[in-house]
Amino acid sequence: MLITTEPALVFLGKLLHEANAPEYVSVRIEQAEGSGPCKMKISRQETGDMQFRHHGRTVLVLDKQTGDSLDEETLDVEQTEKGNRLVLR
């Protein structure tokens, strides 16, 4: 199962707040075709999604296939010159 750090959950919550996203949407990470890079988007939660919550709100969802492919990966925040960004390690 994907490991999410507290800073990553805070980052996602802030992203949703700044986007004025309604409670029924979250950030979704999807695996690109094949074994390509992952992509992120704002999406409705779907039945069967893995859900990651922060302060009572679902901030991240993954479908089963993506969750399986990210097994034992860690979602974290990395500081860059342009600001913080999410990274998978």
Protein backbone atom coordinates (compact mmCIF):
# COMPACT_ATOMS: atom_id res chain seq x y z
CA MET A 1 0.00 0.00 0.00
CA LEU A 2 1.21 3.50 -0.79
CA ILE A 3 2.72 5.26 2.20
CA THR A 4 1.81 8.94 2.53
CA THR A 5 3.73 11.31 4.75
CA GLU A 6 2.02 13.95 6.86
CA PRO A 7 3.58 16.75 4.76
CA ALA A 8 2.13 15.13 1.60
CA LEU A 9 -1.35 14.95 3.13
CA VAL A 10 -1.11 18.59 4.24
CA PHE A 11 0.06 19.59 0.74
CA LEU A 12 -2.90 17.79 -0.87
CA GLY A 13 -5.38 19.31 1.57
CA LYS A 14 -4.01 22.78 0.85
CA LEU A 15 -4.18 22.15 -2.91
CA LEU A 16 -7.86 21.19 -2.67
CA HIS A 17 -8.62 24.14 -0.39
CA GLU A 18 -6.95 26.63 -2.75
CA ALA A 19 -8.88 25.15 -5.69
CA ASN A 20 -12.15 25.56 -3.74
CA ALA A 21 -12.80 21.90 -4.50
CA PRO A 22 -16.05 20.48 -3.10
CA GLU A 23 -15.83 17.76 -0.44
CA TYR A 24 -16.77 14.98 -2.89
CA VAL A 25 -13.62 15.45 -4.99
CA SER A 26 -10.03 14.57 -4.18
CA VAL A 27 -6.67 14.42 -5.86
CA ARG A 28 -6.35 11.23 -7.91
CA ILE A 29 -3.05 9.67 -8.87
CA GLU A 30 -3.27 7.44 -11.94
CA GLN A 31 -0.71 5.18 -13.53
CA ALA A 32 -0.04 6.13 -17.15
CA GLU A 33 -0.28 3.48 -19.85
CA GLY A 34 2.11 0.59 -19.29
CA SER A 35 4.67 1.46 -16.68
CA GLY A 36 4.91 5.15 -17.57
CA PRO A 37 4.94 7.99 -15.08
CA CYS A 38 2.00 8.75 -12.82
CA LYS A 39 -0.29 11.73 -13.36
CA MET A 40 -2.40 13.71 -10.92
CA LYS A 41 -5.83 15.23 -11.40
CA ILE A 42 -8.81 16.44 -9.39
CA SER A 43 -11.47 13.74 -9.52
CA ARG A 44 -14.61 12.42 -7.89
CA GLN A 45 -14.15 9.51 -5.53
CA GLU A 46 -15.28 6.20 -7.00
CA THR A 47 -16.44 2.96 -5.42
CA GLY A 48 -13.44 0.75 -4.70
CA ASP A 49 -10.90 3.59 -4.53
CA MET A 50 -8.19 3.52 -1.89
CA GLN A 51 -8.73 6.67 0.17
CA PHE A 52 -6.26 8.75 2.17
CA ARG A 53 -7.75 11.21 4.65
CA HIS A 54 -6.46 14.31 6.39
CA HIS A 55 -8.46 16.13 9.06
CA GLY A 56 -11.66 14.31 8.10
CA ARG A 57 -11.42 14.95 4.37
CA THR A 58 -10.43 12.47 1.69
CA VAL A 59 -7.52 14.24 -0.02
CA LEU A 60 -6.14 11.42 -2.17
CA VAL A 61 -7.69 8.50 -4.03
CA LEU A 62 -6.17 5.67 -6.07
CA ASP A 63 -7.85 2.99 -8.12
CA LYS A 64 -6.83 -0.59 -7.32
CA GLN A 65 -4.45 -0.94 -10.27
CA THR A 66 -2.58 2.26 -9.38
CA GLY A 67 -2.56 1.34 -5.70
CA ASP A 68 -1.05 -2.04 -6.54
CA SER A 69 1.61 -0.48 -8.79
CA LEU A 70 2.61 2.01 -6.07
CA ASP A 71 2.81 -0.66 -3.36
CA GLU A 72 5.62 0.21 -0.93
CA GLU A 73 6.24 3.62 -2.56
CA THR A 74 6.14 6.74 -0.40
CA LEU A 75 4.38 9.97 -1.39
CA ASP A 76 6.25 12.90 0.15
CA VAL A 77 6.91 16.61 -0.36
CA GLU A 78 10.19 17.93 -1.69
CA GLN A 79 11.30 21.54 -1.45
CA THR A 80 12.56 23.09 -4.69
CA GLU A 81 13.57 26.58 -5.77
CA LYS A 82 10.07 26.96 -7.28
CA GLY A 83 8.29 25.79 -4.13
CA ASN A 84 7.12 22.45 -2.77
CA ARG A 85 6.18 19.53 -5.00
CA LEU A 86 4.97 15.99 -4.48
CA VAL A 87 7.41 13.15 -5.12
CA LEU A 88 7.23 9.38 -5.10
CA ARG A 89 10.19 7.63 -3.51
